Amino acid sequence: MRFKGLDLNLLAALDVLLDERNVSRAAERLHLTQPAVSAALARLRDYFGDPILAPQGKRMIPTARALALRPMLKRLLTEVDTMVAQSTRFDPATSDRCFVIGVSDYLVTVLFPSILPALQQAAPGVRLDFHPPSEETRVAIDKGEIDLLLSPAEHCLPDHPAELLFNERHVVVGCTSNPLLAKPISEEDFYAAPHVAVRIGRVNRASFAETHLAERGERRIEVTAFSFTTVPTLVGGTARLAVMHERLAWAMARHFPIAWQELPFHFPAMPEMIQYNRTRANDAGLRWMIERIKAAIP
């Protein structure tokens, strides 16, 4: 497809090349060979009369012309994506769509064990691609590169729609052999005990629980984990405690010897949201997936 002499297929390649600034990585994202992407870059250079990406040592640097094209290109591709989403009827029984979802291991464990069998029956061709939450997933939802972001309200982007999934309570958990959990735990015992904490993302971002616990004062944190679902193994056989989502505690207690009870002080509920790019508001497939996720809330 050509428009004023430009092969429109090259625009998608240009978008990825400007994101990656590397031919090999762009080829991986586009599912093309490196020579094919190099040839696309050569055609783009010829059409625009500009190097687009200029070698600088081992890196490729966008030219001034390429940087000027980038915001226009992003808007164009977003509008095309919106047009396609709004004009295409979604049939789960025949769709082979891949939904890209930013979601923590906590929500994968709580929600998706009941979603996946139902999807296999109703939508056998539909695929799910999970991405762990991070600053990159926030940027990706803003660019429209991720379909859905499941996140606490405080981490949602203000410029895109977000819907409440549920309000999550937090509980204190420990090994079933931990004597502190044999009776209602006191606030004094809670702070005297050693703890496991969870931080998420490459920048070591505090979770909802850790953010609000930090406001109350210091705890004896002996272990810091990168995953909510590793917590039961890290408190097992020890005197350590952890603060965990109540729904996750219920799910993990089926597989690990953990006990839990209410926190010995007031703790705010966590609004768990589902967010999508504002251009996808009329995407029938996205709405279908959102309803499947809402239906799975325990």
C-alpha atoms as a PDB file:
ATOM      1  CA  MET A   1       0.000   0.000   0.000  1.00  0.00           C
ATOM      2  CA  ARG A   2       1.542   3.288  -1.118  1.00  0.00           C
ATOM      3  CA  PHE A   3       0.569   6.851  -0.319  1.00  0.00           C
ATOM      4  CA  LYS A   4       2.366   9.597  -2.237  1.00  0.00           C
ATOM      5  CA  GLY A   5       5.120   7.153  -3.025  1.00  0.00           C
ATOM      6  CA  LEU A   6       5.584   5.920   0.562  1.00  0.00           C
ATOM      7  CA  ASP A   7       5.048   2.260   1.389  1.00  0.00           C
ATOM      8  CA  LEU A   8       2.817   2.583   4.475  1.00  0.00           C
ATOM      9  CA  ASN A   9       4.176  -0.688   5.866  1.00  0.00           C
ATOM     10  CA  LEU A  10       7.411   1.209   6.488  1.00  0.00           C
ATOM     11  CA  LEU A  11       5.747   3.440   9.085  1.00  0.00           C
ATOM     12  CA  ALA A  12       5.456   0.591  11.592  1.00  0.00           C
ATOM     13  CA  ALA A  13       9.117  -0.231  11.021  1.00  0.00           C
ATOM     14  CA  LEU A  14      10.076   3.426  11.489  1.00  0.00           C
ATOM     15  CA  ASP A  15       8.170   3.576  14.783  1.00  0.00           C
ATOM     16  CA  VAL A  16       9.993   0.548  16.195  1.00  0.00           C
ATOM     17  CA  LEU A  17      13.372   1.679  14.865  1.00  0.00           C
ATOM     18  CA  LEU A  18      13.000   5.030  16.610  1.00  0.00           C
ATOM     19  CA  ASP A  19      11.979   3.260  19.828  1.00  0.00           C
ATOM     20  CA  GLU A  20      14.812   0.732  19.801  1.00  0.00           C
ATOM     21  CA  ARG A  21      17.537   2.700  17.962  1.00  0.00           C
ATOM     22  CA  ASN A  22      18.982  -0.677  17.083  1.00  0.00           C
ATOM     23  CA  VAL A  23      18.310  -2.742  13.951  1.00  0.00           C
ATOM     24  CA  SER A  24      18.667  -6.130  15.660  1.00  0.00           C
ATOM     25  CA  ARG A  25      16.256  -5.299  18.501  1.00  0.00           C
ATOM     26  CA  ALA A  26      13.813  -3.723  16.057  1.00  0.00           C
ATOM     27  CA  ALA A  27      13.904  -6.913  13.977  1.00  0.00           C
ATOM     28  CA  GLU A  28      13.021  -8.985  17.067  1.00  0.00           C
ATOM     29  CA  ARG A  29      10.018  -6.791  17.887  1.00  0.00           C
ATOM     30  CA  LEU A  30       8.811  -6.769  14.285  1.00  0.00           C
ATOM     31  CA  HIS A  31       9.367 -10.543  13.908  1.00  0.00           C
ATOM     32  CA  LEU A  32      11.493  -9.872  10.824  1.00  0.00           C
ATOM     33  CA  THR A  33      15.048 -10.719   9.870  1.00  0.00           C
ATOM     34  CA  GLN A  34      17.802  -8.171  10.465  1.00  0.00           C
ATOM     35  CA  PRO A  35      18.461  -7.786   6.699  1.00  0.00           C
ATOM     36  CA  ALA A  36      14.754  -7.054   6.133  1.00  0.00           C
ATOM     37  CA  VAL A  37      14.772  -4.298   8.747  1.00  0.00           C
ATOM     38  CA  SER A  38      18.049  -2.911   7.374  1.00  0.00           C
ATOM     39  CA  ALA A  39      16.417  -2.791   3.932  1.00  0.00           C
ATOM     40  CA  ALA A  40      13.388  -0.989   5.414  1.00  0.00           C
ATOM     41  CA  LEU A  41      15.672   1.575   7.032  1.00  0.00           C
ATOM     42  CA  ALA A  42      17.446   2.107   3.687  1.00  0.00           C
ATOM     43  CA  ARG A  43      14.086   2.739   1.973  1.00  0.00           C
ATOM     44  CA  LEU A  44      13.044   5.179   4.700  1.00  0.00           C
ATOM     45  CA  ARG A  45      16.323   7.044   4.310  1.00  0.00           C
ATOM     46  CA  ASP A  46      15.792   7.222   0.575  1.00  0.00           C
ATOM     47  CA  TYR A  47      12.195   8.465   0.858  1.00  0.00           C
ATOM     48  CA  PHE A  48      12.843  11.147   3.482  1.00  0.00           C
ATOM     49  CA  GLY A  49      16.272  12.093   2.155  1.00  0.00           C
ATOM     50  CA  ASP A  50      17.665  11.788   5.656  1.00  0.00           C
ATOM     51  CA  PRO A  51      19.790   9.195   7.550  1.00  0.00           C
ATOM     52  CA  ILE A  52      16.965   8.782  10.155  1.00  0.00           C
ATOM     53  CA  LEU A  53      19.381   6.919  12.458  1.00  0.00           C
ATOM     54  CA  ALA A  54      23.021   7.981  12.383  1.00  0.00           C
ATOM     55  CA  PRO A  55      25.799   5.721  13.732  1.00  0.00           C
ATOM     56  CA  GLN A  56      27.654   7.151  16.729  1.00  0.00           C
ATOM     57  CA  GLY A  57      30.167   4.671  18.057  1.00  0.00           C
ATOM     58  CA  LYS A  58      28.223   1.486  18.797  1.00  0.00           C
ATOM     59  CA  ARG A  59      24.921   3.354  19.048  1.00  0.00           C
ATOM     60  CA  MET A  60      22.376   4.699  16.574  1.00  0.00           C
ATOM     61  CA  ILE A  61      21.211   8.265  17.215  1.00  0.00           C
ATOM     62  CA  PRO A  62      18.006   9.699  15.689  1.00  0.00           C
ATOM     63  CA  THR A  63      18.541  12.703  13.464  1.00  0.00           C
ATOM     64  CA  ALA A  64      16.735  16.007  13.987  1.00  0.00           C
ATOM     65  CA  ARG A  65      14.411  15.089  11.093  1.00  0.00           C
ATOM     66  CA  ALA A  66      13.588  11.726  12.716  1.00  0.00           C
ATOM     67  CA  LEU A  67      12.837  13.379  16.078  1.00  0.00           C
ATOM     68  CA  ALA A  68      10.510  15.832  14.335  1.00  0.00           C
ATOM     69  CA  LEU A  69       8.670  12.944  12.629  1.00  0.00           C
ATOM     70  CA  ARG A  70       8.280  10.869  15.786  1.00  0.00           C
ATOM     71  CA  PRO A  71       5.334  12.633  17.519  1.00  0.00           C
ATOM     72  CA  MET A  72       3.411  12.818  14.220  1.00  0.00           C
ATOM     73  CA  LEU A  73       4.123   9.136  13.598  1.00  0.00           C
ATOM     74  CA  LYS A  74       2.924   8.143  17.096  1.00  0.00           C
ATOM     75  CA  ARG A  75      -0.332  10.068  16.645  1.00  0.00           C
ATOM     76  CA  LEU A  76      -0.904   8.559  13.211  1.00  0.00           C
ATOM     77  CA  LEU A  77      -0.350   4.962  14.334  1.00  0.00           C
ATOM     78  CA  THR A  78      -2.505   5.456  17.439  1.00  0.00           C
ATOM     79  CA  GLU A  79      -5.357   6.812  15.319  1.00  0.00           C
ATOM     80  CA  VAL A  80      -5.044   3.915  12.861  1.00  0.00           C
ATOM     81  CA  ASP A  81      -5.071   1.468  15.774  1.00  0.00           C
ATOM     82  CA  THR A  82      -8.200   3.133  17.153  1.00  0.00           C
ATOM     83  CA  MET A  83      -9.901   3.032  13.754  1.00  0.00           C
ATOM     84  CA  VAL A  84      -9.197  -0.674  13.375  1.00  0.00           C
ATOM     85  CA  ALA A  85     -10.328  -1.461  16.940  1.00  0.00           C
ATOM     86  CA  GLN A  86     -13.580   0.452  16.529  1.00  0.00           C
ATOM     87  CA  SER A  87     -14.419  -0.955  13.138  1.00  0.00           C
ATOM     88  CA  THR A  88     -13.699  -4.600  13.864  1.00  0.00           C
ATOM     89  CA  ARG A  89     -16.311  -6.839  15.461  1.00  0.00           C
ATOM     90  CA  PHE A  90     -14.793  -9.050  18.127  1.00  0.00           C
ATOM     91  CA  ASP A  91     -15.766 -12.714  18.070  1.00  0.00           C
ATOM     92  CA  PRO A  92     -13.982 -14.580  20.901  1.00  0.00           C
ATOM     93  CA  ALA A  93     -14.717 -17.960  19.326  1.00  0.00           C
ATOM     94  CA  THR A  94     -12.706 -17.138  16.190  1.00  0.00           C
ATOM     95  CA  SER A  95     -10.312 -14.410  17.390  1.00  0.00           C
ATOM     96  CA  ASP A  96      -6.568 -15.030  17.553  1.00  0.00           C
ATOM     97  CA  ARG A  97      -5.901 -11.726  19.328  1.00  0.00           C
ATOM     98  CA  CYS A  98      -3.064 -11.439  21.845  1.00  0.00           C
ATOM     99  CA  PHE A  99      -3.969  -9.264  24.844  1.00  0.00           C
ATOM    100  CA  VAL A 100      -0.912  -7.624  26.415  1.00  0.00           C
ATOM    101  CA  ILE A 101      -1.564  -7.112  30.126  1.00  0.00           C
ATOM    102  CA  GLY A 102       0.542  -5.386  32.754  1.00  0.00           C
ATOM    103  CA  VAL A 103      -0.151  -7.338  35.945  1.00  0.00           C
ATOM    104  CA  SER A 104       1.592  -8.396  39.148  1.00  0.00           C
ATOM    105  CA  ASP A 105       2.185 -12.008  40.145  1.00  0.00           C
ATOM    106  CA  TYR A 106      -0.315 -11.411  42.974  1.00  0.00           C
ATOM    107  CA  LEU A 107      -3.162 -10.740  40.538  1.00  0.00           C
ATOM    108  CA  VAL A 108      -2.082 -13.487  38.140  1.00  0.00           C
ATOM    109  CA  THR A 109      -2.394 -15.918  41.062  1.00  0.00           C
ATOM    110  CA  VAL A 110      -5.697 -14.540  42.365  1.00  0.00           C
ATOM    111  CA  LEU A 111      -7.578 -13.967  39.100  1.00  0.00           C
ATOM    112  CA  PHE A 112      -6.249 -15.956  36.185  1.00  0.00           C
ATOM    113  CA  PRO A 113      -6.451 -19.591  37.347  1.00  0.00           C
ATOM    114  CA  SER A 114     -10.221 -19.308  36.868  1.00  0.00           C
ATOM    115  CA  ILE A 115      -9.993 -17.167  33.720  1.00  0.00           C
ATOM    116  CA  LEU A 116      -7.686 -19.397  31.684  1.00  0.00           C
ATOM    117  CA  PRO A 117      -9.824 -22.569  31.581  1.00  0.00           C
ATOM    118  CA  ALA A 118     -12.859 -20.485  30.597  1.00  0.00           C
ATOM    119  CA  LEU A 119     -10.846 -18.770  27.850  1.00  0.00           C
ATOM    120  CA  GLN A 120      -9.708 -22.107  26.475  1.00  0.00           C
ATOM    121  CA  GLN A 121     -13.345 -23.092  26.057  1.00  0.00           C
ATOM    122  CA  ALA A 122     -14.867 -19.824  24.834  1.00  0.00           C
ATOM    123  CA  ALA A 123     -11.873 -18.295  23.011  1.00  0.00           C
ATOM    124  CA  PRO A 124      -9.349 -21.014  22.107  1.00  0.00           C
ATOM    125  CA  GLY A 125      -7.345 -18.731  19.818  1.00  0.00           C
ATOM    126  CA  VAL A 126      -7.016 -15.822  22.243  1.00  0.00           C
ATOM    127  CA  ARG A 127      -3.587 -15.410  23.858  1.00  0.00           C
ATOM    128  CA  LEU A 128      -2.417 -13.501  26.943  1.00  0.00           C
ATOM    129  CA  ASP A 129       0.991 -11.825  27.315  1.00  0.00           C
ATOM    130  CA  PHE A 130       1.708 -10.792  30.922  1.00  0.00           C
ATOM    131  CA  HIS A 131       4.189  -8.011  31.735  1.00  0.00           C
ATOM    132  CA  PRO A 132       5.300  -7.306  35.339  1.00  0.00           C
ATOM    133  CA  PRO A 133       4.389  -3.836  36.632  1.00  0.00           C
ATOM    134  CA  SER A 134       7.096  -1.186  36.337  1.00  0.00           C
ATOM    135  CA  GLU A 135       7.653   2.335  35.072  1.00  0.00           C
ATOM    136  CA  GLU A 136       7.997   0.762  31.603  1.00  0.00           C
ATOM    137  CA  THR A 137       4.450  -0.619  31.745  1.00  0.00           C
ATOM    138  CA  ARG A 138       3.104   2.840  32.650  1.00  0.00           C
ATOM    139  CA  VAL A 139       4.875   4.295  29.620  1.00  0.00           C
ATOM    140  CA  ALA A 140       3.605   1.415  27.476  1.00  0.00           C
ATOM    141  CA  ILE A 141      -0.046   1.990  28.436  1.00  0.00           C
ATOM    142  CA  ASP A 142       0.377   5.655  27.538  1.00  0.00           C
ATOM    143  CA  LYS A 143       1.757   4.659  24.126  1.00  0.00           C
ATOM    144  CA  GLY A 144      -0.971   2.074  23.567  1.00  0.00           C
ATOM    145  CA  GLU A 145       1.586  -0.766  23.528  1.00  0.00           C
ATOM    146  CA  ILE A 146      -0.117  -2.547  26.448  1.00  0.00           C
ATOM    147  CA  ASP A 147      -3.834  -3.312  26.281  1.00  0.00           C
ATOM    148  CA  LEU A 148      -4.606  -3.368  29.997  1.00  0.00           C
ATOM    149  CA  LEU A 149      -2.833  -2.375  33.192  1.00  0.00           C
ATOM    150  CA  LEU A 150      -3.999  -3.876  36.497  1.00  0.00           C
ATOM    151  CA  SER A 151      -2.656  -1.648  39.230  1.00  0.00           C
ATOM    152  CA  PRO A 152      -3.394   0.035  42.562  1.00  0.00           C
ATOM    153  CA  ALA A 153      -5.134   3.376  42.029  1.00  0.00           C
ATOM    154  CA  GLU A 154      -2.089   5.340  43.160  1.00  0.00           C
ATOM    155  CA  HIS A 155      -0.029   3.952  40.249  1.00  0.00           C
ATOM    156  CA  CYS A 156      -2.603   4.625  37.515  1.00  0.00           C
ATOM    157  CA  LEU A 157      -2.013   7.293  34.886  1.00  0.00           C
ATOM    158  CA  PRO A 158      -4.300  10.327  35.283  1.00  0.00           C
ATOM    159  CA  ASP A 159      -4.874  10.850  31.541  1.00  0.00           C
ATOM    160  CA  HIS A 160      -6.409   7.436  30.769  1.00  0.00           C
ATOM    161  CA  PRO A 161      -9.628   5.696  31.927  1.00  0.00           C
ATOM    162  CA  ALA A 162      -9.453   3.386  34.939  1.00  0.00           C
ATOM    163  CA  GLU A 163     -12.187   1.211  36.443  1.00  0.00           C
ATOM    164  CA  LEU A 164     -12.350  -0.226  39.944  1.00  0.00           C
ATOM    165  CA  LEU A 165     -11.922  -3.992  40.108  1.00  0.00           C
ATOM    166  CA  PHE A 166     -12.175  -4.401  43.887  1.00  0.00           C
ATOM    167  CA  ASN A 167     -10.882  -3.069  47.196  1.00  0.00           C
ATOM    168  CA  GLU A 168      -8.235  -5.326  48.691  1.00  0.00           C
ATOM    169  CA  ARG A 169      -7.562  -5.757  52.412  1.00  0.00           C
ATOM    170  CA  HIS A 170      -4.120  -6.593  53.792  1.00  0.00           C
ATOM    171  CA  VAL A 171      -3.381  -9.119  56.534  1.00  0.00           C
ATOM    172  CA  VAL A 172      -0.343 -10.189  58.536  1.00  0.00           C
ATOM    173  CA  VAL A 173       0.951 -13.658  57.566  1.00  0.00           C
ATOM    174  CA  GLY A 174       3.522 -16.060  58.917  1.00  0.00           C
ATOM    175  CA  CYS A 175       4.322 -19.741  59.159  1.00  0.00           C
ATOM    176  CA  THR A 176       1.656 -21.888  60.810  1.00  0.00           C
ATOM    177  CA  SER A 177       4.254 -22.791  63.464  1.00  0.00           C
ATOM    178  CA  ASN A 178       4.869 -19.123  64.347  1.00  0.00           C
ATOM    179  CA  PRO A 179       3.623 -18.699  67.975  1.00  0.00           C
ATOM    180  CA  LEU A 180       2.852 -15.028  67.359  1.00  0.00           C
ATOM    181  CA  LEU A 181      -0.082 -16.066  65.163  1.00  0.00           C
ATOM    182  CA  ALA A 182      -1.537 -18.504  67.712  1.00  0.00           C
ATOM    183  CA  LYS A 183      -3.425 -15.589  69.252  1.00  0.00           C
ATOM    184  CA  PRO A 184      -4.338 -12.071  68.082  1.00  0.00           C
ATOM    185  CA  ILE A 185      -1.048 -10.303  67.466  1.00  0.00           C
ATOM    186  CA  SER A 186      -0.335  -7.022  69.223  1.00  0.00           C
ATOM    187  CA  GLU A 187       1.114  -3.978  67.518  1.00  0.00           C
ATOM    188  CA  GLU A 188       4.159  -4.253  69.773  1.00  0.00           C
ATOM    189  CA  ASP A 189       4.789  -7.873  68.732  1.00  0.00           C
ATOM    190  CA  PHE A 190       4.230  -6.965  65.080  1.00  0.00           C
ATOM    191  CA  TYR A 191       7.006  -4.363  65.129  1.00  0.00           C
ATOM    192  CA  ALA A 192       9.350  -6.461  67.263  1.00  0.00           C
ATOM    193  CA  ALA A 193       9.229  -9.418  64.836  1.00  0.00           C
ATOM    194  CA  PRO A 194      11.478  -9.794  61.763  1.00  0.00           C
ATOM    195  CA  HIS A 195       9.723  -9.116  58.438  1.00  0.00           C
ATOM    196  CA  VAL A 196       9.716  -9.946  54.746  1.00  0.00           C
ATOM    197  CA  ALA A 197       9.021  -6.974  52.455  1.00  0.00           C
ATOM    198  CA  VAL A 198       8.229  -6.812  48.731  1.00  0.00           C
ATOM    199  CA  ARG A 199       9.464  -4.180  46.300  1.00  0.00           C
ATOM    200  CA  ILE A 200       8.562  -4.192  42.611  1.00  0.00           C
ATOM    201  CA  GLY A 201      10.108  -2.882  39.403  1.00  0.00           C
ATOM    202  CA  ARG A 202      13.655  -2.140  38.337  1.00  0.00           C
ATOM    203  CA  VAL A 203      13.766   1.037  40.384  1.00  0.00           C
ATOM    204  CA  ASN A 204      12.913  -0.935  43.557  1.00  0.00           C
ATOM    205  CA  ARG A 205       9.516   0.746  43.853  1.00  0.00           C
ATOM    206  CA  ALA A 206       7.664   0.154  47.095  1.00  0.00           C
ATOM    207  CA  SER A 207       4.413  -1.799  46.932  1.00  0.00           C
ATOM    208  CA  PHE A 208       1.144  -0.314  48.241  1.00  0.00           C
ATOM    209  CA  ALA A 209       1.633  -2.128  51.551  1.00  0.00           C
ATOM    210  CA  GLU A 210       5.253  -1.055  51.959  1.00  0.00           C
ATOM    211  CA  THR A 211       4.437   2.566  51.142  1.00  0.00           C
ATOM    212  CA  HIS A 212       1.753   2.745  53.835  1.00  0.00           C
ATOM    213  CA  LEU A 213       3.747   0.725  56.382  1.00  0.00           C
ATOM    214  CA  ALA A 214       6.704   3.070  55.937  1.00  0.00           C
ATOM    215  CA  GLU A 215       4.461   5.962  56.978  1.00  0.00           C
ATOM    216  CA  ARG A 216       3.922   4.219  60.335  1.00  0.00           C
ATOM    217  CA  GLY A 217       7.606   3.774  61.162  1.00  0.00           C
ATOM    218  CA  GLU A 218      10.500   1.333  60.808  1.00  0.00           C
ATOM    219  CA  ARG A 219      10.166  -2.457  60.849  1.00  0.00           C
ATOM    220  CA  ARG A 220      12.835  -5.143  61.188  1.00  0.00           C
ATOM    221  CA  ILE A 221      13.048  -6.104  57.516  1.00  0.00           C
ATOM    222  CA  GLU A 222      15.309  -9.160  57.165  1.00  0.00           C
ATOM    223  CA  VAL A 223      14.366 -10.155  53.596  1.00  0.00           C
ATOM    224  CA  THR A 224      13.278  -8.010  50.650  1.00  0.00           C
ATOM    225  CA  ALA A 225      11.670  -9.955  47.803  1.00  0.00           C
ATOM    226  CA  PHE A 226      10.793  -8.977  44.237  1.00  0.00           C
ATOM    227  CA  SER A 227       7.625 -11.087  44.055  1.00  0.00           C
ATOM    228  CA  PHE A 228       4.502 -11.320  46.210  1.00  0.00           C
ATOM    229  CA  THR A 229       4.122 -15.052  45.609  1.00  0.00           C
ATOM    230  CA  THR A 230       7.572 -15.842  47.054  1.00  0.00           C
ATOM    231  CA  VAL A 231       6.555 -14.564  50.486  1.00  0.00           C
ATOM    232  CA  PRO A 232       5.108 -17.885  51.809  1.00  0.00           C
ATOM    233  CA  THR A 233       8.401 -19.658  51.143  1.00  0.00           C
ATOM    234  CA  LEU A 234      10.349 -16.869  52.870  1.00  0.00           C
ATOM    235  CA  VAL A 235       8.303 -16.914  56.092  1.00  0.00           C
ATOM    236  CA  GLY A 236       8.080 -20.731  56.175  1.00  0.00           C
ATOM    237  CA  GLY A 237       9.933 -22.327  59.113  1.00  0.00           C
ATOM    238  CA  THR A 238      10.907 -18.907  60.506  1.00  0.00           C
ATOM    239  CA  ALA A 239       9.646 -16.286  62.950  1.00  0.00           C
ATOM    240  CA  ARG A 240       9.263 -13.766  60.121  1.00  0.00           C
ATOM    241  CA  LEU A 241       6.039 -11.967  59.385  1.00  0.00           C
ATOM    242  CA  ALA A 242       4.836 -10.281  56.209  1.00  0.00           C
ATOM    243  CA  VAL A 243       1.945  -8.089  55.169  1.00  0.00           C
ATOM    244  CA  MET A 244       0.048  -9.701  52.294  1.00  0.00           C
ATOM    245  CA  HIS A 245      -3.093  -9.135  50.227  1.00  0.00           C
ATOM    246  CA  GLU A 246      -5.954 -11.055  51.853  1.00  0.00           C
ATOM    247  CA  ARG A 247      -7.038 -12.697  48.575  1.00  0.00           C
ATOM    248  CA  LEU A 248      -3.471 -13.838  47.941  1.00  0.00           C
ATOM    249  CA  ALA A 249      -3.201 -15.238  51.469  1.00  0.00           C
ATOM    250  CA  TRP A 250      -6.313 -17.340  50.833  1.00  0.00           C
ATOM    251  CA  ALA A 251      -4.904 -18.586  47.508  1.00  0.00           C
ATOM    252  CA  MET A 252      -1.404 -19.371  48.825  1.00  0.00           C
ATOM    253  CA  ALA A 253      -2.659 -21.145  51.965  1.00  0.00           C
ATOM    254  CA  ARG A 254      -3.873 -23.948  49.682  1.00  0.00           C
ATOM    255  CA  HIS A 255      -0.246 -24.737  48.858  1.00  0.00           C
ATOM    256  CA  PHE A 256       1.905 -23.454  51.753  1.00  0.00           C
ATOM    257  CA  PRO A 257       1.758 -23.771  55.573  1.00  0.00           C
ATOM    258  CA  ILE A 258       0.893 -20.143  56.312  1.00  0.00           C
ATOM    259  CA  ALA A 259      -1.489 -18.580  58.803  1.00  0.00           C
ATOM    260  CA  TRP A 260      -2.816 -15.054  58.834  1.00  0.00           C
ATOM    261  CA  GLN A 261      -4.929 -12.629  60.799  1.00  0.00           C
ATOM    262  CA  GLU A 262      -5.996  -8.997  60.729  1.00  0.00           C
ATOM    263  CA  LEU A 263      -3.386  -6.309  61.217  1.00  0.00           C
ATOM    264  CA  PRO A 264      -3.249  -4.948  64.777  1.00  0.00           C
ATOM    265  CA  PHE A 265      -3.832  -1.382  63.582  1.00  0.00           C
ATOM    266  CA  HIS A 266      -5.946   0.452  61.034  1.00  0.00           C
ATOM    267  CA  PHE A 267      -4.688  -0.051  57.469  1.00  0.00           C
ATOM    268  CA  PRO A 268      -6.279   1.463  54.345  1.00  0.00           C
ATOM    269  CA  ALA A 269      -7.944  -0.733  51.741  1.00  0.00           C
ATOM    270  CA  MET A 270      -6.165  -0.862  48.388  1.00  0.00           C
ATOM    271  CA  PRO A 271      -8.316   0.084  45.367  1.00  0.00           C
ATOM    272  CA  GLU A 272      -7.245  -2.322  42.602  1.00  0.00           C
ATOM    273  CA  MET A 273      -7.932  -0.773  39.187  1.00  0.00           C
ATOM    274  CA  ILE A 274      -7.940  -1.830  35.549  1.00  0.00           C
ATOM    275  CA  GLN A 275      -6.709   0.815  33.110  1.00  0.00           C
ATOM    276  CA  TYR A 276      -6.503   1.149  29.327  1.00  0.00           C
ATOM    277  CA  ASN A 277      -5.453   3.798  26.837  1.00  0.00           C
ATOM    278  CA  ARG A 278      -8.182   6.390  26.218  1.00  0.00           C
ATOM    279  CA  THR A 279      -8.111   5.594  22.484  1.00  0.00           C
ATOM    280  CA  ARG A 280      -9.343   2.042  23.279  1.00  0.00           C
ATOM    281  CA  ALA A 281     -12.571   3.075  24.988  1.00  0.00           C
ATOM    282  CA  ASN A 282     -14.666   1.564  22.159  1.00  0.00           C
ATOM    283  CA  ASP A 283     -12.548  -1.542  21.616  1.00  0.00           C
ATOM    284  CA  ALA A 284     -15.042  -4.429  21.759  1.00  0.00           C
ATOM    285  CA  GLY A 285     -12.342  -7.026  22.363  1.00  0.00           C
ATOM    286  CA  LEU A 286     -10.877  -5.063  25.255  1.00  0.00           C
ATOM    287  CA  ARG A 287     -14.289  -4.644  26.858  1.00  0.00           C
ATOM    288  CA  TRP A 288     -14.854  -8.402  26.511  1.00  0.00           C
ATOM    289  CA  MET A 289     -11.554  -9.126  28.286  1.00  0.00           C
ATOM    290  CA  ILE A 290     -12.289  -6.600  31.045  1.00  0.00           C
ATOM    291  CA  GLU A 291     -15.614  -8.329  31.734  1.00  0.00           C
ATOM    292  CA  ARG A 292     -13.881 -11.720  31.884  1.00  0.00           C
ATOM    293  CA  ILE A 293     -11.449 -10.353  34.479  1.00  0.00           C
ATOM    294  CA  LYS A 294     -14.209  -8.740  36.541  1.00  0.00           C
ATOM    295  CA  ALA A 295     -16.197 -11.984  36.511  1.00  0.00           C
ATOM    296  CA  ALA A 296     -13.198 -13.832  38.022  1.00  0.00           C
ATOM    297  CA  ILE A 297     -12.883 -11.639  41.134  1.00  0.00           C
ATOM    298  CA  PRO A 298     -13.122 -13.897  44.200  1.00  0.00           C
END
